[in-house]
Amino acid sequence: MTKKFNLTITENMNTLDLETKHLSGKLYFVKTDQNWVAEDDSIHIHSLIGFFSDFNKLNDSESKNLMQKWGMYFRTKELESNLD
C-alpha cells in the first residue's frame, strides 16, 4: 500500500501533505481569528476540529451526504484534563 502523510509546522502555518496511490493533495492551515489560541504545532488540529464542528452544525442533507460519500464522521468530545 502506498501512503504518505507529512506535516510541516512553521510559525503561524501548518501544511499537511496527503497522498495515496490514487489521490494527492495539500491542506494549508494558517492563523485566523478562530484559531489564534492554538500553538504553532497544533494549528491544524484546532482548525480541523473547529471546521468539522461548524460543518456538522450546517445540519443539511447535502453536507451529511458529502461526509458519508467519503466515509467521514465527526463528533466533538469532552476535553481531557491532561492536555496542555
C-alpha atoms as a PDB file:
ATOM      1  CA  MET A   1       0.000   0.000   0.000  1.00  0.00           C
ATOM      2  CA  THR A   2       1.363   3.406  -0.963  1.00  0.00           C
ATOM      3  CA  LYS A   3       0.623   6.148   1.518  1.00  0.00           C
ATOM      4  CA  LYS A   4       2.086   9.448   2.582  1.00  0.00           C
ATOM      5  CA  PHE A   5       1.247  11.746   5.445  1.00  0.00           C
ATOM      6  CA  ASN A   6       3.651  14.622   6.004  1.00  0.00           C
ATOM      7  CA  LEU A   7       3.060  17.512   8.398  1.00  0.00           C
ATOM      8  CA  THR A   8       5.196  20.653   8.155  1.00  0.00           C
ATOM      9  CA  ILE A   9       4.999  23.137  11.034  1.00  0.00           C
ATOM     10  CA  THR A  10       6.232  26.712  10.709  1.00  0.00           C
ATOM     11  CA  GLU A  11       5.395  29.922  12.535  1.00  0.00           C
ATOM     12  CA  ASN A  12       1.706  30.723  12.022  1.00  0.00           C
ATOM     13  CA  MET A  13       1.199  27.948   9.434  1.00  0.00           C
ATOM     14  CA  ASN A  14       0.937  24.158   9.172  1.00  0.00           C
ATOM     15  CA  THR A  15       0.851  22.248   5.895  1.00  0.00           C
ATOM     16  CA  LEU A  16      -0.357  18.701   5.596  1.00  0.00           C
ATOM     17  CA  ASP A  17       0.657  16.708   2.511  1.00  0.00           C
ATOM     18  CA  LEU A  18      -1.613  13.757   1.827  1.00  0.00           C
ATOM     19  CA  GLU A  19      -1.015  11.120  -0.811  1.00  0.00           C
ATOM     20  CA  THR A  20      -2.249   7.668  -1.760  1.00  0.00           C
ATOM     21  CA  LYS A  21      -1.814   5.601  -4.882  1.00  0.00           C
ATOM     22  CA  HIS A  22      -4.871   7.306  -6.409  1.00  0.00           C
ATOM     23  CA  LEU A  23      -5.139  10.803  -4.891  1.00  0.00           C
ATOM     24  CA  SER A  24      -2.832  13.565  -3.717  1.00  0.00           C
ATOM     25  CA  GLY A  25      -3.445  16.909  -2.043  1.00  0.00           C
ATOM     26  CA  LYS A  26      -2.188  19.504   0.413  1.00  0.00           C
ATOM     27  CA  LEU A  27      -4.042  21.235   3.239  1.00  0.00           C
ATOM     28  CA  TYR A  28      -2.849  24.625   4.468  1.00  0.00           C
ATOM     29  CA  PHE A  29      -3.662  25.830   7.979  1.00  0.00           C
ATOM     30  CA  VAL A  30      -2.911  29.457   8.869  1.00  0.00           C
ATOM     31  CA  LYS A  31      -3.678  31.597  11.917  1.00  0.00           C
ATOM     32  CA  THR A  32      -7.129  33.217  11.853  1.00  0.00           C
ATOM     33  CA  ASP A  33      -9.493  34.914  14.291  1.00  0.00           C
ATOM     34  CA  GLN A  34     -10.929  31.467  15.079  1.00  0.00           C
ATOM     35  CA  ASN A  35      -7.710  29.560  15.810  1.00  0.00           C
ATOM     36  CA  TRP A  36      -5.422  32.263  17.214  1.00  0.00           C
ATOM     37  CA  VAL A  37      -5.288  30.473  20.596  1.00  0.00           C
ATOM     38  CA  ALA A  38      -3.610  27.416  19.040  1.00  0.00           C
ATOM     39  CA  GLU A  39       0.129  26.934  19.387  1.00  0.00           C
ATOM     40  CA  ASP A  40       2.058  26.782  16.097  1.00  0.00           C
ATOM     41  CA  ASP A  41       2.364  22.984  16.394  1.00  0.00           C
ATOM     42  CA  SER A  42      -1.403  22.479  16.731  1.00  0.00           C
ATOM     43  CA  ILE A  43      -2.979  24.937  14.274  1.00  0.00           C
ATOM     44  CA  HIS A  44      -4.023  22.002  12.071  1.00  0.00           C
ATOM     45  CA  ILE A  45      -5.720  20.163  14.938  1.00  0.00           C
ATOM     46  CA  HIS A  46      -7.565  23.235  16.232  1.00  0.00           C
ATOM     47  CA  SER A  47      -8.692  24.174  12.714  1.00  0.00           C
ATOM     48  CA  LEU A  48      -9.887  20.681  11.783  1.00  0.00           C
ATOM     49  CA  ILE A  49     -11.902  20.290  14.987  1.00  0.00           C
ATOM     50  CA  GLY A  50     -13.398  23.759  14.568  1.00  0.00           C
ATOM     51  CA  PHE A  51     -14.158  23.222  10.878  1.00  0.00           C
ATOM     52  CA  PHE A  52     -15.887  19.885  11.368  1.00  0.00           C
ATOM     53  CA  SER A  53     -17.785  21.205  14.399  1.00  0.00           C
ATOM     54  CA  ASP A  54     -19.129  24.083  12.282  1.00  0.00           C
ATOM     55  CA  PHE A  55     -19.717  21.789   9.286  1.00  0.00           C
ATOM     56  CA  ASN A  56     -21.849  19.458  11.419  1.00  0.00           C
ATOM     57  CA  LYS A  57     -23.950  22.421  12.572  1.00  0.00           C
ATOM     58  CA  LEU A  58     -24.994  23.114   8.967  1.00  0.00           C
ATOM     59  CA  ASN A  59     -27.479  20.295   9.516  1.00  0.00           C
ATOM     60  CA  ASP A  60     -28.392  19.880   5.861  1.00  0.00           C
ATOM     61  CA  SER A  61     -28.620  16.714   3.809  1.00  0.00           C
ATOM     62  CA  GLU A  62     -26.018  17.828   1.245  1.00  0.00           C
ATOM     63  CA  SER A  63     -23.354  18.210   3.965  1.00  0.00           C
ATOM     64  CA  LYS A  64     -24.225  14.886   5.564  1.00  0.00           C
ATOM     65  CA  ASN A  65     -24.241  13.129   2.174  1.00  0.00           C
ATOM     66  CA  LEU A  66     -20.815  14.548   1.332  1.00  0.00           C
ATOM     67  CA  MET A  67     -19.346  13.271   4.594  1.00  0.00           C
ATOM     68  CA  GLN A  68     -20.923   9.836   4.100  1.00  0.00           C
ATOM     69  CA  LYS A  69     -19.749   9.724   0.478  1.00  0.00           C
ATOM     70  CA  TRP A  70     -16.154   9.854   1.728  1.00  0.00           C
ATOM     71  CA  GLY A  71     -16.756   7.680   4.797  1.00  0.00           C
ATOM     72  CA  MET A  72     -16.152  10.530   7.242  1.00  0.00           C
ATOM     73  CA  TYR A  73     -17.908  11.090  10.552  1.00  0.00           C
ATOM     74  CA  PHE A  74     -17.097  13.614  13.267  1.00  0.00           C
ATOM     75  CA  ARG A  75     -18.246  14.182  16.830  1.00  0.00           C
ATOM     76  CA  THR A  76     -16.874  16.581  19.400  1.00  0.00           C
ATOM     77  CA  LYS A  77     -15.861  15.145  22.758  1.00  0.00           C
ATOM     78  CA  GLU A  78     -15.033  16.398  26.225  1.00  0.00           C
ATOM     79  CA  LEU A  79     -11.555  17.837  26.713  1.00  0.00           C
ATOM     80  CA  GLU A  80      -9.116  15.580  28.521  1.00  0.00           C
ATOM     81  CA  SER A  81      -7.786  17.377  31.584  1.00  0.00           C
ATOM     82  CA  ASN A  82      -4.184  16.228  30.999  1.00  0.00           C
ATOM     83  CA  LEU A  83      -3.828  18.030  27.643  1.00  0.00           C
ATOM     84  CA  ASP A  84      -1.880  21.297  27.688  1.00  0.00           C
END
